[in-house]
Amino acid sequence: MPGFLAIGLGATRRCRLALFALTAVAGAVSCLFYAPVGANHPNAGGGEMIAVAENLVRYGYFGNPSPGRYTGATAVVAPAYPFFLAILLKLFGPHCGRLWVVVFAAVVHGVHAALLIPLSRVVFRDQSPGVWAAVFTVVFPVVRFMPAWEAIFAASGLLAFCLTVARWISGRHFSSLRALALGVMSGLLVLVNPVAALVAVVWTAFRLLAYWKALTRPFMSVACFGLALCVTPLPWAIRNQVLLGAPVIKSGLGWNLYASNNDCAESSLARNFWTGCYDKHTGAREVDLVCQMGELKYNAYRRQTAVDWITANPRAFFYLTVHRVFEFWFPNMAEGPYAVMISFITILSLAGFVLMARWRESFLQFAICASLVYPLTYYVVLSDSRYRIPILWISLLGAGYFMQAVWRLCPRWRTTHKNRKPIAAVTLPPGS
């Protein structure tokens, strides 16, 4: 095991910054090294994200998610990441802009791995589980490199948000201004990935409850947080009400349900893509319907089509749903090495959660709640490991917790660190 595991609670700020920087660089290099492994993914080219970004550059409005077809204004993807892509493409041109997209995505992958360490330090009062989690992320193909999609940006933003909340909500110094700032941050997460923002709300709720009695004005803090959370994405909702006819943040559930639940559907996106079933339900004929009906009416129509199929085929729907629930946590092997490694991390994290339950780690309550809330919408659509990325860090920390517990049982650790307390004996403050 790398020697920097010995850097514990008494590590200097300089050492911690060096460890963070080293992990970030290693994570960025690693994701580029493993990038060819995921190059055959059905959505590796970018799909709607890239199409909307290019439309923003060419025509100046958020629309036309189907390349080469005019379907008008859209809300099929959340707005933040396509706008970011459009800025890069506008500043650097179509070719250099794409290169910069790859560079930024690699940097964010590295930051994502590095953020696991300080979050572990805050949550467990021990950075070692986070170091193990970072090692898994850097050394193995765990987080698929897909720069055309927002998943890793949502995951990194969520990690940074959780770290900020953990440090700010810790007593009497948590002001209404900070509550407003956290609400704005969570509202921005809504504009990146609305489902991931649910996890941010769950994390904030747990931290507020843990420090409720220590806060000077707890109800005012909750009100400020909730107000900022609702107001931040409001302009986008108003835009969609005006242009599309409904105050949605992101549309497309009806289309996804239709493409996922039909006579030829299999459980995973990869297998549906290779059998041709995915193209059959998302191809030119469907784009023509969008042009004729409009995006929201089309989604309502296809949602009803999916509901009718589910009603007529309850056993097939049950079979698909069971497989998708399983494949959210243990991805379909059609996704290759990433499926193997994510499944391995999931198994290790389950062992870590058992130890957390035995040693009464408060992080376990959040992990269970987030794992119940976040995947619900993904259980009824085509499974894809990309959907797991925004909360994969929870499993990575669980796996790291287990590995650190095993490490402390080895003879070398007992010999060289006999005076240190085990994880179970560390006294944690409430809500940490």
Protein backbone atom coordinates (compact mmCIF):
# COMPACT_ATOMS: atom_id res chain seq x y z
CA MET A 1 0.00 0.00 0.00
CA PRO A 2 1.36 3.49 -0.81
CA GLY A 3 3.26 5.14 1.98
CA PHE A 4 1.07 8.25 1.99
CA LEU A 5 -1.57 6.24 3.89
CA ALA A 6 0.57 7.04 6.92
CA ILE A 7 -0.41 10.72 6.60
CA GLY A 8 -3.10 10.92 9.27
CA LEU A 9 -4.98 13.43 11.32
CA GLY A 10 -1.80 15.33 12.19
CA ALA A 11 -0.69 15.89 8.61
CA THR A 12 0.34 19.42 7.76
CA ARG A 13 -1.64 21.58 5.38
CA ARG A 14 1.23 21.44 2.90
CA CYS A 15 1.21 17.65 2.89
CA ARG A 16 -2.54 17.58 2.39
CA LEU A 17 -2.35 20.00 -0.52
CA ALA A 18 0.46 17.95 -2.06
CA LEU A 19 -1.57 14.77 -1.69
CA PHE A 20 -4.61 16.47 -3.23
CA ALA A 21 -2.59 17.78 -6.20
CA LEU A 22 -0.82 14.45 -6.75
CA THR A 23 -4.14 12.58 -6.73
CA ALA A 24 -5.76 15.09 -9.09
CA VAL A 25 -2.92 14.80 -11.61
CA ALA A 26 -2.89 11.01 -11.37
CA GLY A 27 -6.67 10.89 -11.81
CA ALA A 28 -6.55 13.11 -14.91
CA VAL A 29 -3.81 10.99 -16.51
CA SER A 30 -5.56 7.76 -15.57
CA CYS A 31 -8.90 8.68 -17.16
CA LEU A 32 -7.14 9.56 -20.43
CA PHE A 33 -5.22 6.28 -20.28
CA TYR A 34 -8.45 4.30 -19.90
CA ALA A 35 -10.45 6.45 -22.35
CA PRO A 36 -10.08 3.96 -25.27
CA VAL A 37 -11.70 1.27 -23.11
CA GLY A 38 -15.01 3.14 -23.22
CA ALA A 39 -14.78 4.44 -26.77
CA ASN A 40 -17.40 1.96 -28.04
CA HIS A 41 -20.10 3.19 -25.66
CA PRO A 42 -23.35 4.03 -27.53
CA ASN A 43 -23.35 7.60 -26.24
CA ALA A 44 -19.59 8.22 -26.38
CA GLY A 45 -20.08 10.72 -29.21
CA GLY A 46 -22.21 13.04 -27.12
CA GLY A 47 -25.71 12.78 -28.56
CA GLU A 48 -28.06 15.55 -27.47
CA MET A 49 -25.47 17.42 -25.36
CA ILE A 50 -23.12 18.09 -28.28
CA ALA A 51 -25.99 18.76 -30.70
CA VAL A 52 -27.50 21.43 -28.44
CA ALA A 53 -24.08 23.00 -27.76
CA GLU A 54 -23.32 23.21 -31.49
CA ASN A 55 -26.75 24.71 -32.11
CA LEU A 56 -26.03 27.36 -29.48
CA VAL A 57 -22.81 28.28 -31.28
CA ARG A 58 -24.33 28.36 -34.77
CA TYR A 59 -27.78 29.82 -34.16
CA GLY A 60 -27.64 31.27 -30.65
CA TYR A 61 -30.49 29.38 -29.01
CA PHE A 62 -30.95 26.22 -26.95
CA GLY A 63 -32.57 23.71 -29.28
CA ASN A 64 -32.37 21.06 -32.00
CA PRO A 65 -31.05 18.10 -29.95
CA SER A 66 -31.20 15.81 -33.02
CA PRO A 67 -28.16 16.51 -35.27
CA GLY A 68 -29.14 17.83 -38.68
CA ARG A 69 -32.84 18.20 -37.84
CA TYR A 70 -34.82 21.29 -36.86
CA THR A 71 -37.06 20.45 -33.90
CA GLY A 72 -37.00 23.87 -32.24
CA ALA A 73 -36.41 24.86 -28.62
CA THR A 74 -35.69 22.00 -26.25
CA ALA A 75 -35.38 20.99 -22.62
CA VAL A 76 -34.36 17.40 -23.30
CA VAL A 77 -31.10 17.97 -21.42
CA ALA A 78 -30.35 20.14 -18.40
CA PRO A 79 -28.90 23.48 -19.54
CA ALA A 80 -25.66 24.03 -17.63
CA TYR A 81 -23.34 21.58 -19.37
CA PRO A 82 -24.42 22.32 -22.96
CA PHE A 83 -23.83 26.03 -22.28
CA PHE A 84 -20.36 25.19 -20.95
CA LEU A 85 -19.62 23.13 -24.07
CA ALA A 86 -20.90 25.95 -26.27
CA ILE A 87 -18.59 28.47 -24.57
CA LEU A 88 -15.56 26.27 -25.27
CA LEU A 89 -16.61 25.65 -28.88
CA LYS A 90 -17.22 29.38 -29.41
CA LEU A 91 -13.93 30.47 -27.84
CA PHE A 92 -11.63 27.90 -29.45
CA GLY A 93 -13.48 26.80 -32.59
CA PRO A 94 -15.03 23.41 -33.38
CA HIS A 95 -11.78 21.41 -33.42
CA CYS A 96 -9.72 23.03 -30.64
CA GLY A 97 -12.91 23.46 -28.64
CA ARG A 98 -13.47 19.72 -28.57
CA LEU A 99 -9.89 19.25 -27.44
CA TRP A 100 -10.45 21.66 -24.58
CA VAL A 101 -13.62 19.77 -23.64
CA VAL A 102 -11.47 16.64 -23.25
CA VAL A 103 -8.87 18.55 -21.22
CA PHE A 104 -11.45 20.03 -18.85
CA ALA A 105 -13.17 16.67 -18.43
CA ALA A 106 -9.84 15.03 -17.58
CA VAL A 107 -9.11 17.73 -14.99
CA VAL A 108 -12.54 17.25 -13.42
CA HIS A 109 -11.97 13.48 -13.29
CA GLY A 110 -8.76 14.16 -11.38
CA VAL A 111 -10.44 16.63 -9.01
CA HIS A 112 -13.22 14.11 -8.41
CA ALA A 113 -10.68 11.51 -7.27
CA ALA A 114 -8.84 14.04 -5.09
CA LEU A 115 -12.01 15.33 -3.39
CA LEU A 116 -12.63 11.88 -1.94
CA ILE A 117 -9.75 12.43 0.48
CA PRO A 118 -10.85 15.66 2.26
CA LEU A 119 -14.46 14.45 2.34
CA SER A 120 -13.32 11.25 4.04
CA ARG A 121 -11.37 13.36 6.52
CA VAL A 122 -14.50 15.33 7.37
CA VAL A 123 -16.88 12.36 7.48
CA PHE A 124 -14.72 9.72 9.19
CA ARG A 125 -12.15 11.94 10.90
CA ASP A 126 -9.67 9.83 8.94
CA GLN A 127 -8.52 10.44 5.38
CA SER A 128 -7.38 6.85 4.84
CA PRO A 129 -10.73 5.53 3.49
CA GLY A 130 -10.71 8.44 1.03
CA VAL A 131 -7.15 7.59 -0.03
CA TRP A 132 -8.23 4.01 -0.72
CA ALA A 133 -11.22 5.31 -2.69
CA ALA A 134 -8.92 7.60 -4.70
CA VAL A 135 -6.54 4.70 -5.38
CA PHE A 136 -9.42 2.65 -6.79
CA THR A 137 -10.48 5.58 -8.97
CA VAL A 138 -6.98 6.24 -10.29
CA VAL A 139 -5.61 2.73 -10.73
CA PHE A 140 -8.66 0.97 -12.17
CA PRO A 141 -11.29 1.79 -14.86
CA VAL A 142 -14.09 2.78 -12.49
CA VAL A 143 -15.44 6.12 -13.77
CA ARG A 144 -16.02 6.00 -17.52
CA PHE A 145 -14.46 8.91 -19.43
CA MET A 146 -17.32 10.56 -21.35
CA PRO A 147 -16.44 14.26 -21.84
CA ALA A 148 -19.55 14.92 -23.92
CA TRP A 149 -21.81 14.22 -20.93
CA GLU A 150 -22.30 15.98 -17.62
CA ALA A 151 -22.04 12.96 -15.28
CA ILE A 152 -18.53 13.55 -13.91
CA PHE A 153 -19.21 17.30 -13.58
CA ALA A 154 -22.35 16.53 -11.56
CA ALA A 155 -20.40 14.05 -9.40
CA SER A 156 -17.55 16.49 -8.74
CA GLY A 157 -19.95 19.36 -8.07
CA LEU A 158 -21.87 17.17 -5.64
CA LEU A 159 -18.65 16.18 -3.85
CA ALA A 160 -17.55 19.82 -3.56
CA PHE A 161 -21.02 20.79 -2.31
CA CYS A 162 -21.04 18.06 0.35
CA LEU A 163 -17.58 19.07 1.51
CA THR A 164 -18.65 22.73 1.76
CA VAL A 165 -21.81 21.84 3.67
CA ALA A 166 -19.88 19.63 6.10
CA ARG A 167 -17.47 22.46 6.88
CA TRP A 168 -20.05 25.24 7.08
CA ILE A 169 -22.83 23.54 9.02
CA SER A 170 -20.85 22.80 12.14
CA GLY A 171 -22.14 25.15 14.81
CA ARG A 172 -23.07 28.73 15.62
CA HIS A 173 -21.11 30.30 12.78
CA PHE A 174 -23.54 29.00 10.14
CA SER A 175 -25.26 32.21 9.00
CA SER A 176 -28.27 32.91 6.79
CA LEU A 177 -25.87 34.20 4.14
CA ARG A 178 -24.10 30.85 4.04
CA ALA A 179 -27.46 29.09 3.87
CA LEU A 180 -28.34 31.23 0.84
CA ALA A 181 -25.00 30.40 -0.77
CA LEU A 182 -25.59 26.67 -0.26
CA GLY A 183 -29.07 27.03 -1.76
CA VAL A 184 -27.59 28.71 -4.83
CA MET A 185 -25.01 25.92 -5.15
CA SER A 186 -27.69 23.23 -4.97
CA GLY A 187 -29.82 25.19 -7.46
CA LEU A 188 -26.88 25.21 -9.88
CA LEU A 189 -26.63 21.44 -9.43
CA VAL A 190 -30.28 21.25 -10.52
CA LEU A 191 -29.23 22.91 -13.79
CA VAL A 192 -26.43 20.35 -14.22
CA ASN A 193 -28.27 17.19 -13.17
CA PRO A 194 -31.66 17.51 -11.42
CA VAL A 195 -31.53 13.99 -9.97
CA ALA A 196 -28.07 14.51 -8.48
CA ALA A 197 -29.39 17.67 -6.81
CA LEU A 198 -31.72 15.45 -4.75
CA VAL A 199 -28.64 13.94 -3.11
CA ALA A 200 -27.40 17.45 -2.26
CA VAL A 201 -30.70 18.17 -0.50
CA VAL A 202 -30.53 14.88 1.41
CA TRP A 203 -26.95 15.60 2.53
CA THR A 204 -27.90 19.12 3.67
CA ALA A 205 -30.91 17.80 5.58
CA PHE A 206 -28.77 15.29 7.48
CA ARG A 207 -26.18 17.91 8.39
CA LEU A 208 -28.82 20.40 9.54
CA LEU A 209 -30.50 17.78 11.71
CA ALA A 210 -27.16 16.76 13.22
CA TYR A 211 -26.34 20.34 14.28
CA TRP A 212 -29.88 21.61 14.78
CA LYS A 213 -29.49 22.52 18.45
CA ALA A 214 -26.14 24.23 17.85
CA LEU A 215 -27.45 26.55 15.13
CA THR A 216 -28.45 30.05 16.21
CA ARG A 217 -31.38 30.43 13.77
CA PRO A 218 -32.10 26.97 12.34
CA PHE A 219 -35.52 27.74 10.82
CA MET A 220 -34.20 30.85 9.11
CA SER A 221 -31.30 28.80 7.71
CA VAL A 222 -33.68 26.22 6.27
CA ALA A 223 -35.89 28.94 4.79
CA CYS A 224 -32.90 30.69 3.16
CA PHE A 225 -31.57 27.43 1.75
CA GLY A 226 -34.95 26.41 0.34
CA LEU A 227 -35.62 29.86 -1.14
CA ALA A 228 -32.27 30.00 -2.95
CA LEU A 229 -32.68 26.40 -4.14
CA CYS A 230 -36.03 27.22 -5.75
CA VAL A 231 -35.10 30.64 -7.14
CA THR A 232 -31.79 29.69 -8.80
CA PRO A 233 -33.28 27.42 -11.53
CA LEU A 234 -36.45 29.53 -11.83
CA PRO A 235 -35.34 31.54 -14.90
CA TRP A 236 -34.82 28.30 -16.81
CA ALA A 237 -38.25 27.03 -15.78
CA ILE A 238 -39.82 30.33 -16.91
CA ARG A 239 -38.01 30.07 -20.25
CA ASN A 240 -39.45 26.59 -20.77
CA GLN A 241 -42.94 27.75 -19.81
CA VAL A 242 -42.76 30.48 -22.43
CA LEU A 243 -41.15 28.47 -25.25
CA LEU A 244 -42.39 24.94 -24.58
CA GLY A 245 -45.56 25.34 -22.55
CA ALA A 246 -44.51 23.88 -19.18
CA PRO A 247 -42.15 25.05 -16.39
CA VAL A 248 -39.93 21.97 -16.58
CA ILE A 249 -36.21 21.83 -15.87
CA LYS A 250 -35.62 18.80 -18.06
CA SER A 251 -38.00 16.90 -20.32
CA GLY A 252 -37.56 13.53 -22.00
CA LEU A 253 -38.88 11.01 -19.48
CA GLY A 254 -41.68 9.93 -21.82
CA TRP A 255 -39.28 9.32 -24.67
CA ASN A 256 -36.94 7.37 -22.36
CA LEU A 257 -39.77 5.23 -21.05
CA TYR A 258 -40.88 4.44 -24.61
CA ALA A 259 -37.36 3.53 -25.74
CA SER A 260 -36.86 1.39 -22.64
CA ASN A 261 -40.13 -0.53 -22.42
CA ASN A 262 -41.31 -2.14 -25.63
CA ASP A 263 -41.49 -5.51 -27.36
CA CYS A 264 -37.82 -5.66 -28.36
CA ALA A 265 -36.35 -3.94 -25.29
CA GLU A 266 -33.61 -5.50 -23.21
CA SER A 267 -32.44 -4.23 -19.86
CA SER A 268 -29.33 -2.23 -20.79
CA LEU A 269 -28.64 0.62 -23.18
CA ALA A 270 -25.59 -1.12 -24.64
CA ARG A 271 -27.48 -4.28 -25.57
CA ASN A 272 -30.46 -2.34 -26.96
CA PHE A 273 -28.10 -0.31 -29.08
CA TRP A 274 -26.33 -3.34 -30.53
CA THR A 275 -29.57 -5.19 -31.31
CA GLY A 276 -30.99 -2.17 -33.15
CA CYS A 277 -33.96 -1.80 -30.80
CA TYR A 278 -32.72 1.56 -29.54
CA ASP A 279 -32.49 3.07 -33.04
CA LYS A 280 -35.91 1.69 -33.88
CA HIS A 281 -37.46 3.73 -31.05
CA THR A 282 -35.31 6.87 -31.31
CA GLY A 283 -34.64 7.18 -35.05
CA ALA A 284 -35.84 9.40 -37.86
CA ARG A 285 -39.50 8.47 -37.46
CA GLU A 286 -39.48 9.64 -33.85
CA VAL A 287 -37.73 12.88 -34.79
CA ASP A 288 -40.44 13.49 -37.39
CA LEU A 289 -43.06 13.09 -34.66
CA VAL A 290 -41.23 15.62 -32.49
CA CYS A 291 -41.27 18.08 -35.40
CA GLN A 292 -44.99 17.57 -35.92
CA MET A 293 -46.18 17.50 -32.31
CA GLY A 294 -43.64 19.58 -30.41
CA GLU A 295 -41.33 18.25 -27.73
CA LEU A 296 -43.63 18.25 -24.70
CA LYS A 297 -46.65 16.84 -26.55
CA TYR A 298 -44.43 14.17 -28.06
CA ASN A 299 -43.09 13.22 -24.63
CA ALA A 300 -46.61 13.04 -23.21
CA TYR A 301 -47.68 10.87 -26.17
CA ARG A 302 -44.74 8.47 -25.78
CA ARG A 303 -45.17 8.36 -22.01
CA GLN A 304 -48.71 7.16 -22.56
CA THR A 305 -47.47 4.65 -25.15
CA ALA A 306 -45.03 3.26 -22.58
CA VAL A 307 -47.71 3.13 -19.86
CA ASP A 308 -50.04 1.26 -22.23
CA TRP A 309 -47.30 -1.28 -23.03
CA ILE A 310 -46.50 -1.73 -19.32
CA THR A 311 -50.20 -2.27 -18.56
CA ALA A 312 -50.48 -4.86 -21.33
CA ASN A 313 -47.17 -6.58 -20.46
CA PRO A 314 -46.79 -6.52 -16.66
CA ARG A 315 -44.59 -9.63 -16.50
CA ALA A 316 -42.17 -8.33 -19.15
CA PHE A 317 -42.00 -4.96 -17.38
CA PHE A 318 -41.36 -6.65 -14.04
CA TYR A 319 -38.58 -8.72 -15.63
CA LEU A 320 -36.95 -5.62 -17.16
CA THR A 321 -37.28 -3.60 -13.95
CA VAL A 322 -35.73 -6.31 -11.77
CA HIS A 323 -32.79 -6.56 -14.14
CA ARG A 324 -32.38 -2.76 -14.22
CA VAL A 325 -32.43 -2.48 -10.44
CA PHE A 326 -29.67 -5.08 -10.31
CA GLU A 327 -27.73 -3.49 -13.18
CA PHE A 328 -27.75 -0.06 -11.59
CA TRP A 329 -25.56 -1.49 -8.84
CA PHE A 330 -23.91 -4.28 -10.85
CA PRO A 331 -23.76 -3.02 -14.46
CA ASN A 332 -24.44 -5.27 -17.42
CA MET A 333 -21.26 -7.04 -18.52
CA ALA A 334 -21.84 -5.68 -22.03
CA GLU A 335 -20.16 -2.51 -20.68
CA GLY A 336 -16.86 -4.33 -20.32
CA PRO A 337 -14.18 -3.60 -17.69
CA TYR A 338 -16.14 -0.72 -16.18
CA ALA A 339 -18.97 -3.11 -15.30
CA VAL A 340 -16.51 -5.47 -13.61
CA MET A 341 -14.84 -2.75 -11.55
CA ILE A 342 -18.07 -0.99 -10.52
CA SER A 343 -19.50 -4.33 -9.41
CA PHE A 344 -16.34 -5.00 -7.41
CA ILE A 345 -16.57 -1.56 -5.76
CA THR A 346 -20.22 -2.21 -4.94
CA ILE A 347 -19.38 -5.50 -3.20
CA LEU A 348 -16.59 -3.89 -1.18
CA SER A 349 -18.85 -0.98 -0.25
CA LEU A 350 -21.51 -3.36 1.07
CA ALA A 351 -18.86 -4.89 3.33
CA GLY A 352 -17.86 -1.36 4.38
CA PHE A 353 -21.46 -0.46 5.17
CA VAL A 354 -21.75 -3.55 7.37
CA LEU A 355 -18.73 -2.32 9.34
CA MET A 356 -20.21 1.19 9.51
CA ALA A 357 -23.40 -0.28 10.97
CA ARG A 358 -21.40 -2.25 13.51
CA TRP A 359 -19.35 0.80 14.48
CA ARG A 360 -22.28 3.24 14.24
CA GLU A 361 -20.94 5.58 11.60
CA SER A 362 -23.48 8.33 10.92
CA PHE A 363 -22.42 8.46 7.25
CA LEU A 364 -24.26 5.17 6.75
CA GLN A 365 -27.66 6.83 7.29
CA PHE A 366 -27.00 9.32 4.52
CA ALA A 367 -25.59 6.60 2.23
CA ILE A 368 -28.72 4.47 2.61
CA CYS A 369 -31.11 7.39 2.12
CA ALA A 370 -29.28 8.72 -0.96
CA SER A 371 -29.08 5.22 -2.43
CA LEU A 372 -32.84 4.84 -2.04
CA VAL A 373 -33.79 8.24 -3.49
CA TYR A 374 -31.37 8.81 -6.37
CA PRO A 375 -31.84 5.68 -8.55
CA LEU A 376 -35.65 5.55 -8.60
CA THR A 377 -36.10 7.10 -12.06
CA TYR A 378 -33.26 4.97 -13.46
CA TYR A 379 -34.90 1.70 -12.46
CA VAL A 380 -37.56 2.02 -15.18
CA VAL A 381 -35.33 3.08 -18.09
CA LEU A 382 -32.41 1.46 -19.91
CA SER A 383 -29.56 0.73 -17.50
CA ASP A 384 -26.23 2.46 -18.09
CA SER A 385 -23.22 2.86 -15.80
CA ARG A 386 -23.17 6.58 -16.70
CA TYR A 387 -26.21 7.09 -14.48
CA ARG A 388 -24.33 5.74 -11.45
CA ILE A 389 -21.42 8.20 -11.69
CA PRO A 390 -22.97 11.10 -9.67
CA ILE A 391 -23.29 8.87 -6.57
CA LEU A 392 -20.49 6.37 -7.23
CA TRP A 393 -18.38 8.25 -4.66
CA ILE A 394 -20.65 6.94 -1.90
CA SER A 395 -19.74 3.37 -2.83
CA LEU A 396 -16.08 4.33 -3.27
CA LEU A 397 -15.95 5.71 0.27
CA GLY A 398 -17.69 2.59 1.55
CA ALA A 399 -15.15 0.40 -0.24
CA GLY A 400 -12.32 2.53 1.11
CA TYR A 401 -13.69 2.21 4.63
CA PHE A 402 -13.66 -1.57 4.34
CA MET A 403 -10.15 -1.67 2.87
CA GLN A 404 -8.82 0.53 5.67
CA ALA A 405 -10.41 -1.73 8.27
CA VAL A 406 -8.72 -4.75 6.66
CA TRP A 407 -5.41 -2.88 6.43
CA ARG A 408 -5.47 -2.15 10.14
CA LEU A 409 -5.85 -5.82 10.89
CA CYS A 410 -2.70 -6.84 9.05
CA PRO A 411 0.36 -7.72 11.21
CA ARG A 412 2.45 -4.88 9.84
CA TRP A 413 -0.11 -2.30 10.92
CA ARG A 414 -0.45 -3.82 14.39
CA THR A 415 3.34 -3.76 14.76
CA THR A 416 4.01 -0.22 13.54
CA HIS A 417 0.82 1.49 14.75
CA LYS A 418 -0.02 -0.38 17.93
CA ASN A 419 -0.79 2.84 19.81
CA ARG A 420 -3.41 4.13 17.35
CA LYS A 421 -7.09 3.54 17.94
CA PRO A 422 -9.06 1.50 15.37
CA ILE A 423 -11.83 3.15 13.39
CA ALA A 424 -14.42 1.75 15.78
CA ALA A 425 -12.86 3.56 18.72
CA VAL A 426 -12.58 7.02 17.13
CA THR A 427 -14.98 9.44 18.81
CA LEU A 428 -16.88 11.47 16.23
CA PRO A 429 -18.81 14.69 16.76
CA PRO A 430 -22.56 14.57 16.08
CA GLY A 431 -23.49 14.43 12.39
CA SER A 432 -19.95 14.04 11.11
